[in-house]
C-alpha cells in the first residue's frame, strides 16, 4: 500500500509452516522498532540516493498496526498453504514477487513517493496457491472463481482508490493496485508453470522443480 503437487518441491502437508511463521514474526518484530519504517520503507527519493535495499524491504514495514495485522494474518494463512504444497516454490515466489513489485513501482509509478506493506506479496501467494491447486487437478470451477474475484478486487481498487475488504481509514493507507497486479501475475506463473519447464535449468533448482 501508499497483501501437494508433484515436482513442485516436496510436499510438507500437515507439518508446521515454519518459514511462513518465521517471516511473519520478523515483520511483526520490526513493528516494535521505532526507526525501522523510516529506514526500510520503499521511498523514491531514498532509492534515488542509492538506498536500493528499500526496493525489497518496503514490504516488511507498515503504516499502522491495523495494516500490519491484516497483511501478516493473510501472509501466514496463504504462506502456510503454499509452503505445505511446494516449500521451495513458496520461498522463490515470495522473493521474486517482492523484488518485481519494488522494481515495477519504480518504473511504472513515478508519482509514487512511498510504499509499505505485504499485500503485494500476499497477492502473489494467493494466486500461486490457486494455480498450484488447479494444476494438481482439483475442481476448476471454485478455483477459477477465486481468481475471477481477485481480478474484480484489482478492478475495484483501481477504479475507487479504496481497498475492498479494509477501510482506508482503518489501515491509514490507500491501496496500490499495481503492486497487487504484479504480485498476482508472479504467483500465477509460479503456480501454473509445468515441472518440465524448469528441469535442467539452474533457476528451476531454486524454485523446486
Protein backbone atom coordinates (compact mmCIF):
# COMPACT_ATOMS: atom_id res chain seq x y z
CA UNK A 1 0.00 0.00 0.00
CA UNK A 2 0.81 4.07 -0.26
CA UNK A 3 -1.41 -8.25 0.96
CA UNK A 4 0.78 -31.32 -2.55
CA UNK A 5 1.83 -31.41 -6.17
CA UNK A 6 4.50 -33.49 -7.79
CA UNK A 7 7.63 -31.72 -8.88
CA UNK A 8 6.87 -28.51 -7.05
CA UNK A 9 9.17 -29.25 -4.18
CA UNK A 10 8.44 -31.99 -1.67
CA UNK A 11 5.02 -31.56 -0.09
CA UNK A 12 5.02 -30.96 3.65
CA UNK A 13 1.28 -31.31 4.18
CA UNK A 14 0.39 -31.44 7.85
CA UNK A 15 3.70 -30.03 9.06
CA UNK A 16 4.18 -26.72 10.81
CA UNK A 17 4.69 -23.91 8.25
CA UNK A 18 7.87 -22.79 10.00
CA UNK A 19 9.16 -20.45 7.30
CA UNK A 20 5.84 -18.61 6.96
CA UNK A 21 5.63 -18.14 10.71
CA UNK A 22 9.26 -17.04 10.96
CA UNK A 23 8.90 -14.44 8.21
CA UNK A 24 5.66 -13.14 9.69
CA UNK A 25 7.30 -12.92 13.12
CA UNK A 26 10.16 -10.93 11.61
CA UNK A 27 7.73 -8.46 10.04
CA UNK A 28 5.78 -8.13 13.28
CA UNK A 29 9.03 -7.68 15.19
CA UNK A 30 10.00 -4.76 13.02
CA UNK A 31 6.79 -3.02 14.03
CA UNK A 32 8.14 -2.51 17.55
CA UNK A 33 11.37 -0.90 16.30
CA UNK A 34 10.56 2.82 16.06
CA UNK A 35 13.24 3.60 13.45
CA UNK A 36 12.53 0.62 11.19
CA UNK A 37 9.89 2.12 8.88
CA UNK A 38 11.93 5.22 8.13
CA UNK A 39 14.96 3.12 7.16
CA UNK A 40 13.18 0.27 5.37
CA UNK A 41 10.15 1.69 3.56
CA UNK A 42 10.05 1.95 -0.23
CA UNK A 43 10.97 5.62 -0.59
CA UNK A 44 11.59 7.02 -4.06
CA UNK A 45 13.93 9.81 -3.01
CA UNK A 46 15.98 7.48 -0.80
CA UNK A 47 16.22 4.89 -3.58
CA UNK A 48 17.37 7.58 -5.99
CA UNK A 49 20.07 8.41 -3.44
CA UNK A 50 21.36 4.82 -3.62
CA UNK A 51 19.43 3.06 -0.85
CA UNK A 52 18.45 0.19 -3.14
CA UNK A 53 17.59 -2.22 -0.33
CA UNK A 54 14.32 -0.33 0.06
CA UNK A 55 13.06 -1.92 -3.18
CA UNK A 56 12.83 -5.14 -1.16
CA UNK A 57 12.47 -4.08 2.48
CA UNK A 58 9.48 -1.84 1.89
CA UNK A 59 7.31 -4.95 2.11
CA UNK A 60 8.40 -5.56 5.69
CA UNK A 61 7.04 -2.35 7.25
CA UNK A 62 3.51 -0.97 7.52
CA UNK A 63 1.60 2.25 8.02
CA UNK A 64 -0.34 1.18 11.11
CA UNK A 65 -0.95 -1.75 13.43
CA UNK A 66 -4.20 -2.48 11.58
CA UNK A 67 -2.35 -2.52 8.27
CA UNK A 68 0.26 -4.84 9.77
CA UNK A 69 -2.40 -7.12 11.25
CA UNK A 70 -4.31 -7.63 8.01
CA UNK A 71 -1.17 -8.20 5.96
CA UNK A 72 0.52 -10.50 8.46
CA UNK A 73 -2.54 -12.70 9.01
CA UNK A 74 -3.04 -13.04 5.25
CA UNK A 75 0.64 -13.87 4.79
CA UNK A 76 0.58 -16.62 7.42
CA UNK A 77 -2.60 -18.19 6.06
CA UNK A 78 -1.61 -18.06 2.39
CA UNK A 79 2.05 -18.75 3.08
CA UNK A 80 1.18 -21.83 5.12
CA UNK A 81 -0.86 -23.23 2.24
CA UNK A 82 1.88 -22.57 -0.30
CA UNK A 83 4.66 -23.79 1.97
CA UNK A 84 2.92 -27.08 2.66
CA UNK A 85 2.24 -27.72 -1.03
CA UNK A 86 5.51 -26.50 -2.52
CA UNK A 87 8.00 -25.12 0.01
CA UNK A 88 10.76 -24.13 -2.39
CA UNK A 89 8.38 -22.51 -4.84
CA UNK A 90 6.82 -20.65 -1.91
CA UNK A 91 10.16 -19.12 -0.98
CA UNK A 92 11.04 -18.28 -4.57
CA UNK A 93 7.62 -16.78 -5.27
CA UNK A 94 7.81 -14.61 -2.16
CA UNK A 95 11.26 -13.30 -3.05
CA UNK A 96 10.66 -12.80 -6.77
CA UNK A 97 7.32 -11.07 -6.22
CA UNK A 98 8.85 -8.74 -3.62
CA UNK A 99 11.69 -7.76 -5.95
CA UNK A 100 9.50 -7.31 -9.04
CA UNK A 101 6.90 -5.28 -7.15
CA UNK A 102 9.61 -2.93 -5.90
CA UNK A 103 11.07 -2.53 -9.38
CA UNK A 104 7.65 -2.31 -11.04
CA UNK A 105 6.54 0.51 -8.78
CA UNK A 106 9.82 2.28 -9.50
CA UNK A 107 9.37 2.06 -13.27
CA UNK A 108 5.61 2.35 -13.66
CA UNK A 109 4.54 4.65 -10.82
CA UNK A 110 6.86 7.68 -11.00
CA UNK A 111 4.25 9.60 -8.99
CA UNK A 112 4.52 7.23 -6.02
CA UNK A 113 6.60 8.69 -3.20
CA UNK A 114 6.41 5.90 -0.62
CA UNK A 115 5.08 2.36 -0.24
CA UNK A 116 4.82 -0.11 2.62
CA UNK A 117 3.20 -3.48 3.17
CA UNK A 118 2.98 -7.17 2.36
CA UNK A 119 -0.24 -7.01 0.35
CA UNK A 120 1.54 -7.38 -2.99
CA UNK A 121 3.37 -10.48 -1.79
CA UNK A 122 0.12 -11.74 -0.27
CA UNK A 123 -1.45 -11.39 -3.72
CA UNK A 124 1.34 -13.50 -5.20
CA UNK A 125 0.80 -16.23 -2.64
CA UNK A 126 -2.96 -16.20 -3.18
CA UNK A 127 -2.67 -16.72 -6.93
CA UNK A 128 0.19 -19.20 -6.55
CA UNK A 129 -1.94 -21.30 -4.21
CA UNK A 130 -4.90 -21.19 -6.59
CA UNK A 131 -2.82 -22.00 -9.67
CA UNK A 132 -0.96 -24.81 -7.88
CA UNK A 133 -4.19 -26.45 -6.81
CA UNK A 134 -5.64 -26.03 -10.28
CA UNK A 135 -2.59 -27.67 -11.84
CA UNK A 136 -2.87 -30.51 -9.32
CA UNK A 137 -6.26 -31.38 -10.76
CA UNK A 138 -8.58 -30.03 -8.09
CA UNK A 139 -12.05 -28.81 -9.06
CA UNK A 140 -11.56 -25.99 -11.51
CA UNK A 141 -14.78 -24.03 -11.02
CA UNK A 142 -14.24 -22.81 -7.43
CA UNK A 143 -10.57 -22.08 -8.03
CA UNK A 144 -11.29 -20.11 -11.21
CA UNK A 145 -14.00 -18.26 -9.26
CA UNK A 146 -11.37 -17.21 -6.70
CA UNK A 147 -9.15 -15.90 -9.49
CA UNK A 148 -12.08 -14.00 -11.04
CA UNK A 149 -12.84 -12.46 -7.65
CA UNK A 150 -9.18 -11.49 -7.29
CA UNK A 151 -9.35 -9.77 -10.68
CA UNK A 152 -12.52 -8.00 -9.62
CA UNK A 153 -10.78 -6.83 -6.45
CA UNK A 154 -7.99 -5.30 -8.54
CA UNK A 155 -10.51 -3.51 -10.74
CA UNK A 156 -12.38 -2.19 -7.71
CA UNK A 157 -9.17 -0.82 -6.19
CA UNK A 158 -8.09 0.78 -9.45
CA UNK A 159 -11.47 2.44 -10.02
CA UNK A 160 -12.20 3.60 -6.48
CA UNK A 161 -8.78 4.07 -4.88
CA UNK A 162 -10.07 2.12 -1.87
CA UNK A 163 -9.39 -1.35 -0.52
CA UNK A 164 -12.24 -3.81 -0.97
CA UNK A 165 -12.08 -5.55 2.40
CA UNK A 166 -10.46 -3.00 4.72
CA UNK A 167 -11.48 0.66 5.12
CA UNK A 168 -8.69 3.06 4.18
CA UNK A 169 -9.33 4.98 7.38
CA UNK A 170 -8.65 1.86 9.44
CA UNK A 171 -5.26 0.97 7.96
CA UNK A 172 -4.13 4.53 7.34
CA UNK A 173 -3.13 3.94 3.72
CA UNK A 174 -4.58 3.67 0.24
CA UNK A 175 -4.07 0.55 -1.91
CA UNK A 176 -1.63 0.41 -4.81
CA UNK A 177 -3.34 -1.89 -7.33
CA UNK A 178 -0.20 -2.16 -9.46
CA UNK A 179 1.59 -3.93 -6.59
CA UNK A 180 -1.25 -6.45 -6.33
CA UNK A 181 -1.33 -6.94 -10.11
CA UNK A 182 2.41 -7.64 -10.28
CA UNK A 183 2.23 -9.96 -7.29
CA UNK A 184 -0.76 -11.81 -8.67
CA UNK A 185 0.92 -12.30 -12.05
CA UNK A 186 4.07 -13.68 -10.43
CA UNK A 187 2.01 -16.06 -8.31
CA UNK A 188 0.15 -17.46 -11.31
CA UNK A 189 3.44 -18.01 -13.11
CA UNK A 190 4.94 -19.95 -10.20
CA UNK A 191 1.82 -21.97 -9.55
CA UNK A 192 0.98 -22.84 -13.15
CA UNK A 193 4.42 -23.46 -14.67
CA UNK A 194 4.88 -27.15 -15.53
CA UNK A 195 7.67 -29.00 -13.79
CA UNK A 196 9.37 -29.90 -17.06
CA UNK A 197 9.79 -26.23 -17.89
CA UNK A 198 12.40 -25.92 -15.17
CA UNK A 199 14.23 -29.24 -15.36
CA UNK A 200 17.88 -28.92 -16.13
CA UNK A 201 17.78 -25.16 -15.52
CA UNK A 202 19.62 -23.68 -12.59
CA UNK A 203 16.71 -21.39 -11.71
CA UNK A 204 14.47 -24.45 -11.60
CA UNK A 205 16.64 -25.92 -8.87
CA UNK A 206 15.90 -22.86 -6.78
CA UNK A 207 12.13 -22.92 -7.22
CA UNK A 208 11.83 -26.62 -6.61
CA UNK A 209 11.18 -28.32 -9.92
